[in-house]
Amino acid sequence: MTSKKRRLTLAFGALPISFLLFSSYALSQTAFYQGKTITIIQGTEAGGSSDVMTRAMLPYLKKHIPGEPTIISEYMPGGGGIKAANHIYKNVRPDGLTIGRIGGGLVANAVLGAKGVLYDLNKLIYLGSPHSTYHWVFITRRDAGLKNLDMLRSTPGVRVGAQAVGHSNYFVGRLFAYLIGFKDPKFVVGYSGTELDLALIKGEVDGRINNADTLMIRNADLLAKGALDIHAIMEVPKGLKQPGFDRLPEIEELVQSERERKLLAMIRIFRQFGTPSILPAGTPREQVKILREATANMFKDPDFHKDYKKFVGEEPTPLLGEEMERALKELPRDSEIVELFKKLNAAGPLPAR
């Protein structure tokens, strides 16, 4: 037999072995989940925004898990997701048949030492989140005469509206005021999101924080009339530009210390985690691999993107489990940064810089 023929025989002779190995792997994946039921435990009530996201995901997760198991939802509200996260961490059997879907407070609650947290962020296993981007902008009404950052800094008693102490728009409003350098600002709470729009128009408050997409949709008429001034933006993740807002100062340009830079890094990661899907520690590698691949394939599925946008009202911006793990390694957890976060999230005057 010639050398050339021998090489061809070896090459083609190897094909059945490779095929058998691949088939064996595919069959093992299918065999594990075929005929089984996966339970999704949500840390919220039924019918909320997180539940809508989960419902948009379920048929596509089923589609992309080999064996197409039945997937059902259970609800375990309490403590902003703490109850469900604790249950996944401490009580759930790590067999790949129970997945937690926890709200955006999963990381923040643990890092900030929220009461009742019993889970370890570093031991949970992350599958991914369907959304990971956000853009906050600070706006004022044009009639307030606060046309630029210098005027915001020099005008005492600027009234910043928010929903409640501790709410995200309260915290981020104070964050902008802190980093811009407001002079004795006043924080006015007790509004819903739409009520804040009316309060701004009526002159009950001078400014507020808002999501850039929401601003473009809900306040398009005010923008068209030139009734609002937009001063600065916070990008999550940093560097992701929002069309139409890309010339605004990014909040990181306003920092004056490494402490403030770490604070922004912490906040971005808190927000970037979105609503993560998690598994308990000890879940077998094979099941983790199957579920991570299924999640990644779901996020790439164009039909998922269409349905997610239809149900949720926005495009998915996925973050994969491996990316979550890397983000946790970069997450600042210094006590000094945690304390600064808490002061900004509390009532009273802004902390000193």
Protein backbone atom coordinates (compact mmCIF):
# COMPACT_ATOMS: atom_id res chain seq x y z
CA MET A 1 0.00 0.00 0.00
CA THR A 2 1.37 3.41 -0.95
CA SER A 3 2.01 6.08 1.65
CA LYS A 4 -0.75 8.23 0.14
CA LYS A 5 -3.30 5.39 0.28
CA ARG A 6 -2.27 4.57 3.85
CA ARG A 7 -2.90 8.21 4.94
CA LEU A 8 -6.31 8.18 3.26
CA THR A 9 -7.24 4.89 4.92
CA LEU A 10 -6.20 6.23 8.32
CA ALA A 11 -8.08 9.48 7.83
CA PHE A 12 -11.32 7.90 6.68
CA GLY A 13 -10.95 5.05 9.13
CA ALA A 14 -10.99 7.59 11.96
CA LEU A 15 -14.31 9.05 10.88
CA PRO A 16 -16.55 6.35 12.36
CA ILE A 17 -14.76 6.67 15.71
CA SER A 18 -15.18 10.47 15.76
CA PHE A 19 -18.78 10.10 14.68
CA LEU A 20 -19.45 7.55 17.40
CA LEU A 21 -17.82 9.75 20.03
CA PHE A 22 -19.87 12.77 18.94
CA SER A 23 -23.04 10.71 18.77
CA SER A 24 -22.35 9.27 22.22
CA TYR A 25 -21.94 12.79 23.64
CA ALA A 26 -25.12 14.06 21.96
CA LEU A 27 -27.07 11.00 23.13
CA SER A 28 -25.81 11.41 26.70
CA GLN A 29 -27.02 15.01 26.69
CA THR A 30 -30.42 14.01 25.32
CA ALA A 31 -30.71 11.02 27.63
CA PHE A 32 -30.26 13.05 30.82
CA TYR A 33 -32.98 15.64 30.21
CA GLN A 34 -35.38 13.63 28.06
CA GLY A 35 -38.62 13.02 29.96
CA LYS A 36 -37.49 15.13 32.93
CA THR A 37 -38.88 18.35 34.38
CA ILE A 38 -36.83 21.48 35.12
CA THR A 39 -38.24 23.83 37.75
CA ILE A 40 -37.50 27.55 37.47
CA ILE A 41 -37.75 29.21 40.89
CA GLN A 42 -38.38 32.92 40.51
CA GLY A 43 -37.63 35.35 43.32
CA THR A 44 -40.66 37.48 42.43
CA GLU A 45 -44.44 37.40 42.29
CA ALA A 46 -46.18 36.18 39.15
CA GLY A 47 -46.94 38.80 36.54
CA GLY A 48 -44.09 41.24 37.17
CA SER A 49 -41.48 42.35 34.65
CA SER A 50 -39.06 39.60 35.70
CA ASP A 51 -41.79 36.99 35.25
CA VAL A 52 -42.54 38.34 31.75
CA MET A 53 -38.85 37.98 30.86
CA THR A 54 -38.83 34.43 32.18
CA ARG A 55 -41.96 33.50 30.23
CA ALA A 56 -40.34 34.84 27.07
CA MET A 57 -37.32 32.62 27.72
CA LEU A 58 -38.96 29.31 28.67
CA PRO A 59 -39.96 27.91 25.25
CA TYR A 60 -36.52 28.70 23.82
CA LEU A 61 -34.65 27.25 26.76
CA LYS A 62 -36.69 24.06 26.29
CA LYS A 63 -35.96 24.12 22.55
CA HIS A 64 -32.20 24.32 23.04
CA ILE A 65 -31.80 21.78 25.87
CA PRO A 66 -31.16 18.33 24.32
CA GLY A 67 -34.14 16.12 25.15
CA GLU A 68 -36.48 19.13 25.42
CA PRO A 69 -37.53 18.62 29.06
CA THR A 70 -40.70 20.07 30.51
CA ILE A 71 -40.01 23.42 32.19
CA ILE A 72 -42.27 24.87 34.88
CA SER A 73 -42.14 28.03 37.00
CA GLU A 74 -42.55 28.41 40.73
CA TYR A 75 -42.60 31.71 42.62
CA MET A 76 -40.75 32.46 45.86
CA PRO A 77 -40.91 36.21 46.51
CA GLY A 78 -39.29 37.73 49.57
CA GLY A 79 -36.50 40.09 50.46
CA GLY A 80 -35.94 41.34 46.93
CA GLY A 81 -34.91 37.86 45.78
CA ILE A 82 -33.00 36.94 48.94
CA LYS A 83 -35.43 34.18 49.95
CA ALA A 84 -35.21 32.45 46.57
CA ALA A 85 -31.42 32.85 46.32
CA ASN A 86 -30.98 31.37 49.82
CA HIS A 87 -33.23 28.46 48.85
CA ILE A 88 -31.22 27.72 45.70
CA TYR A 89 -27.96 27.93 47.63
CA LYS A 90 -28.91 25.95 50.74
CA ASN A 91 -31.85 23.65 49.96
CA VAL A 92 -32.00 22.75 46.27
CA ARG A 93 -30.58 19.41 45.18
CA PRO A 94 -27.67 20.17 42.79
CA ASP A 95 -28.80 17.88 40.01
CA GLY A 96 -29.34 20.35 37.17
CA LEU A 97 -33.13 20.16 37.46
CA THR A 98 -33.73 23.37 39.42
CA ILE A 99 -32.72 26.81 38.18
CA GLY A 100 -33.08 30.06 40.10
CA ARG A 101 -34.17 33.25 38.35
CA ILE A 102 -33.28 36.03 40.75
CA GLY A 103 -33.87 39.77 40.41
CA GLY A 104 -31.22 42.39 39.96
CA GLY A 105 -30.47 42.57 43.69
CA LEU A 106 -28.65 39.20 43.79
CA VAL A 107 -25.16 40.70 43.71
CA ALA A 108 -25.89 43.99 45.47
CA ASN A 109 -27.66 42.32 48.41
CA ALA A 110 -24.66 40.07 49.06
CA VAL A 111 -21.97 42.74 48.65
CA LEU A 112 -23.83 45.35 50.69
CA GLY A 113 -24.56 42.86 53.49
CA ALA A 114 -28.35 42.96 53.25
CA LYS A 115 -30.15 41.33 56.14
CA GLY A 116 -30.90 37.65 55.63
CA VAL A 117 -28.36 36.88 52.89
CA LEU A 118 -27.07 33.31 53.40
CA TYR A 119 -25.67 32.58 49.92
CA ASP A 120 -22.10 32.93 48.68
CA LEU A 121 -21.81 34.72 45.33
CA ASN A 122 -18.55 32.94 44.58
CA LYS A 123 -20.09 29.47 44.94
CA LEU A 124 -23.24 29.93 42.91
CA ILE A 125 -23.12 28.83 39.26
CA TYR A 126 -24.25 31.36 36.67
CA LEU A 127 -26.03 30.56 33.39
CA GLY A 128 -26.63 34.08 32.11
CA SER A 129 -29.06 36.99 31.99
CA PRO A 130 -31.20 38.22 29.07
CA HIS A 131 -30.38 41.87 29.70
CA SER A 132 -27.17 43.55 30.81
CA THR A 133 -27.13 47.10 29.45
CA TYR A 134 -28.57 50.33 30.75
CA HIS A 135 -28.16 54.07 30.27
CA TRP A 136 -29.10 56.59 32.94
CA VAL A 137 -29.28 60.27 32.09
CA PHE A 138 -29.71 63.28 34.36
CA ILE A 139 -32.24 65.79 33.04
CA THR A 140 -33.64 69.14 34.15
CA ARG A 141 -36.57 71.19 32.90
CA ARG A 142 -35.47 74.01 30.62
CA ASP A 143 -37.46 76.58 32.66
CA ALA A 144 -35.21 75.91 35.67
CA GLY A 145 -32.40 77.69 33.81
CA LEU A 146 -29.85 74.99 34.62
CA LYS A 147 -28.35 74.81 31.15
CA ASN A 148 -25.00 73.16 31.89
CA LEU A 149 -22.92 71.41 34.53
CA ASP A 150 -21.41 74.67 35.82
CA MET A 151 -24.87 76.05 36.52
CA LEU A 152 -25.85 72.83 38.28
CA ARG A 153 -22.78 73.18 40.49
CA SER A 154 -23.28 76.85 41.29
CA THR A 155 -27.04 76.85 41.95
CA PRO A 156 -27.92 75.98 45.57
CA GLY A 157 -30.91 73.84 46.46
CA VAL A 158 -31.55 72.09 43.13
CA ARG A 159 -34.58 69.85 43.70
CA VAL A 160 -34.07 66.29 42.45
CA GLY A 161 -37.19 64.12 42.24
CA ALA A 162 -37.31 60.38 42.92
CA GLN A 163 -39.70 57.62 43.90
CA ALA A 164 -38.48 56.66 47.37
CA VAL A 165 -35.34 56.57 49.49
CA GLY A 166 -33.43 53.47 48.42
CA HIS A 167 -35.10 53.21 45.01
CA SER A 168 -32.69 52.98 42.08
CA ASN A 169 -33.70 56.37 40.65
CA TYR A 170 -33.18 57.96 44.08
CA PHE A 171 -29.72 56.44 44.43
CA VAL A 172 -28.61 57.25 40.87
CA GLY A 173 -30.00 60.79 41.14
CA ARG A 174 -27.90 61.31 44.27
CA LEU A 175 -24.91 59.70 42.56
CA PHE A 176 -25.08 62.23 39.71
CA ALA A 177 -25.57 65.11 42.14
CA TYR A 178 -22.57 63.89 44.17
CA LEU A 179 -20.21 63.50 41.21
CA ILE A 180 -21.34 66.64 39.36
CA GLY A 181 -20.86 68.56 42.61
CA PHE A 182 -24.31 69.98 43.41
CA LYS A 183 -24.49 72.65 46.11
CA ASP A 184 -26.86 71.58 48.89
CA PRO A 185 -29.34 69.70 46.66
CA LYS A 186 -32.82 68.77 47.88
CA PHE A 187 -34.15 65.27 47.21
CA VAL A 188 -37.92 65.12 46.84
CA VAL A 189 -39.48 61.64 47.02
CA GLY A 190 -42.95 60.11 46.87
CA TYR A 191 -43.59 60.01 43.13
CA SER A 192 -44.20 57.17 40.71
CA GLY A 193 -42.24 57.21 37.46
CA THR A 194 -44.96 58.92 35.43
CA GLU A 195 -45.76 61.27 38.33
CA LEU A 196 -42.15 62.43 38.21
CA ASP A 197 -42.64 63.51 34.61
CA LEU A 198 -45.62 65.65 35.65
CA ALA A 199 -43.77 67.03 38.68
CA LEU A 200 -40.94 68.11 36.40
CA ILE A 201 -43.31 69.84 33.96
CA LYS A 202 -45.20 71.58 36.78
CA GLY A 203 -42.00 72.81 38.41
CA GLU A 204 -42.38 70.77 41.60
CA VAL A 205 -38.86 69.43 41.00
CA ASP A 206 -35.99 70.75 38.89
CA GLY A 207 -34.43 67.52 37.71
CA ARG A 208 -34.54 63.76 37.81
CA ILE A 209 -32.76 60.66 36.61
CA ASN A 210 -34.22 58.57 33.82
CA ASN A 211 -33.43 55.71 31.50
CA ALA A 212 -32.39 57.04 28.08
CA ASP A 213 -34.73 54.71 26.17
CA THR A 214 -37.67 55.62 28.41
CA LEU A 215 -36.89 59.30 27.96
CA MET A 216 -36.91 58.96 24.18
CA ILE A 217 -40.25 57.13 24.17
CA ARG A 218 -42.24 58.62 27.04
CA ASN A 219 -40.94 62.20 26.82
CA ALA A 220 -40.45 62.51 23.07
CA ASP A 221 -42.81 65.49 22.92
CA LEU A 222 -40.92 67.38 25.64
CA LEU A 223 -37.62 66.72 23.88
CA ALA A 224 -39.07 67.89 20.58
CA LYS A 225 -40.27 71.13 22.23
CA GLY A 226 -36.86 71.72 23.80
CA ALA A 227 -38.42 71.61 27.27
CA LEU A 228 -35.64 69.46 28.78
CA ASP A 229 -31.88 69.77 29.24
CA ILE A 230 -29.87 66.53 29.30
CA HIS A 231 -26.61 66.91 31.20
CA ALA A 232 -24.72 63.63 31.60
CA ILE A 233 -25.03 59.88 31.09
CA MET A 234 -23.95 56.69 32.83
CA GLU A 235 -23.20 53.77 30.53
CA VAL A 236 -23.66 50.15 31.58
CA PRO A 237 -21.34 48.65 30.52
CA LYS A 238 -18.86 51.48 30.30
CA GLY A 239 -18.12 52.39 26.69
CA LEU A 240 -21.48 51.26 25.30
CA LYS A 241 -22.79 54.36 23.57
CA GLN A 242 -26.47 55.22 23.34
CA PRO A 243 -27.44 56.55 19.89
CA GLY A 244 -28.36 60.21 20.17
CA PHE A 245 -26.66 60.60 23.56
CA ASP A 246 -23.06 59.85 22.61
CA ARG A 247 -21.87 63.47 22.99
CA LEU A 248 -22.94 63.74 26.63
CA PRO A 249 -20.30 63.66 29.38
CA GLU A 250 -20.04 60.12 30.75
CA ILE A 251 -20.25 60.02 34.53
CA GLU A 252 -16.75 58.58 34.89
CA GLU A 253 -15.37 61.87 33.52
CA LEU A 254 -16.58 63.51 36.74
CA VAL A 255 -14.72 61.34 39.27
CA GLN A 256 -12.02 62.86 41.47
CA SER A 257 -10.57 59.81 43.21
CA GLU A 258 -9.92 56.09 42.93
CA ARG A 259 -12.61 55.57 45.56
CA GLU A 260 -15.20 57.13 43.27
CA ARG A 261 -13.94 55.12 40.30
CA LYS A 262 -14.38 51.89 42.28
CA LEU A 263 -17.86 52.98 43.29
CA LEU A 264 -18.85 53.33 39.63
CA ALA A 265 -17.32 49.94 38.81
CA MET A 266 -19.38 48.37 41.60
CA ILE A 267 -22.61 50.01 40.42
CA ARG A 268 -22.05 49.00 36.80
CA ILE A 269 -21.57 45.35 37.76
CA PHE A 270 -24.63 45.41 40.03
CA ARG A 271 -26.70 46.60 37.10
CA GLN A 272 -25.01 44.52 34.41
CA PHE A 273 -26.04 41.26 36.11
CA GLY A 274 -29.64 41.98 35.13
CA THR A 275 -31.86 39.06 36.24
CA PRO A 276 -29.45 36.12 36.40
CA SER A 277 -30.27 32.44 36.12
CA ILE A 278 -28.32 30.42 38.68
CA LEU A 279 -27.61 26.86 39.78
CA PRO A 280 -26.57 25.67 43.24
CA ALA A 281 -22.96 24.85 43.99
CA GLY A 282 -22.09 21.22 43.29
CA THR A 283 -24.18 20.86 40.15
CA PRO A 284 -22.37 18.28 37.96
CA ARG A 285 -20.14 19.77 35.27
CA GLU A 286 -21.98 17.94 32.51
CA GLN A 287 -25.34 19.49 33.45
CA VAL A 288 -23.74 22.93 33.85
CA LYS A 289 -22.23 22.59 30.38
CA ILE A 290 -25.54 21.53 28.83
CA LEU A 291 -27.49 24.36 30.45
CA ARG A 292 -24.88 27.01 29.65
CA GLU A 293 -24.78 25.92 26.02
CA ALA A 294 -28.58 25.91 25.85
CA THR A 295 -28.71 29.40 27.36
CA ALA A 296 -26.11 30.70 24.92
CA ASN A 297 -27.94 29.13 21.96
CA MET A 298 -31.22 30.60 23.17
CA PHE A 299 -29.68 34.06 23.28
CA LYS A 300 -28.47 33.62 19.68
CA ASP A 301 -31.85 32.41 18.43
CA PRO A 302 -33.44 35.14 16.23
CA ASP A 303 -36.94 33.93 17.14
CA PHE A 304 -36.12 34.43 20.81
CA HIS A 305 -35.08 38.01 20.07
CA LYS A 306 -38.39 38.66 18.30
CA ASP A 307 -40.53 37.19 21.08
CA TYR A 308 -38.51 38.81 23.87
CA LYS A 309 -38.94 42.23 22.29
CA LYS A 310 -42.66 41.57 21.76
CA PHE A 311 -43.27 40.56 25.38
CA VAL A 312 -40.73 42.68 27.24
CA GLY A 313 -40.75 45.73 24.98
CA GLU A 314 -37.00 45.93 24.45
CA GLU A 315 -34.21 44.08 22.71
CA PRO A 316 -32.40 41.44 24.78
CA THR A 317 -28.80 42.30 25.68
CA PRO A 318 -27.52 38.96 27.00
CA LEU A 319 -24.72 38.34 29.45
CA LEU A 320 -23.36 34.77 29.55
CA GLY A 321 -22.51 32.80 32.68
CA GLU A 322 -18.77 32.87 31.99
CA GLU A 323 -18.94 36.66 31.62
CA MET A 324 -20.72 36.88 34.97
CA GLU A 325 -17.94 34.91 36.62
CA ARG A 326 -15.32 37.29 35.21
CA ALA A 327 -17.33 40.32 36.35
CA LEU A 328 -17.50 38.97 39.92
CA LYS A 329 -13.71 38.67 40.00
CA GLU A 330 -13.45 42.36 39.07
CA LEU A 331 -16.18 43.53 41.46
CA PRO A 332 -14.91 46.00 44.12
CA ARG A 333 -15.97 44.86 47.57
CA ASP A 334 -13.90 47.18 49.77
CA SER A 335 -15.65 48.21 52.98
CA GLU A 336 -14.93 51.87 52.18
CA ILE A 337 -16.74 51.61 48.83
CA VAL A 338 -19.66 49.73 50.40
CA GLU A 339 -20.00 52.43 53.04
CA LEU A 340 -20.00 55.19 50.39
CA PHE A 341 -22.72 53.35 48.45
CA LYS A 342 -24.86 53.09 51.58
CA LYS A 343 -24.51 56.79 52.37
CA LEU A 344 -25.62 57.72 48.87
CA ASN A 345 -28.57 55.35 49.17
CA ALA A 346 -29.72 56.80 52.49
CA ALA A 347 -31.66 59.91 53.44
CA GLY A 348 -29.90 63.10 54.44
CA PRO A 349 -27.16 65.27 52.94
CA LEU A 350 -24.68 63.92 50.41
CA PRO A 351 -21.41 62.55 51.85
CA ALA A 352 -18.29 64.68 51.65
CA ARG A 353 -15.96 64.01 48.71
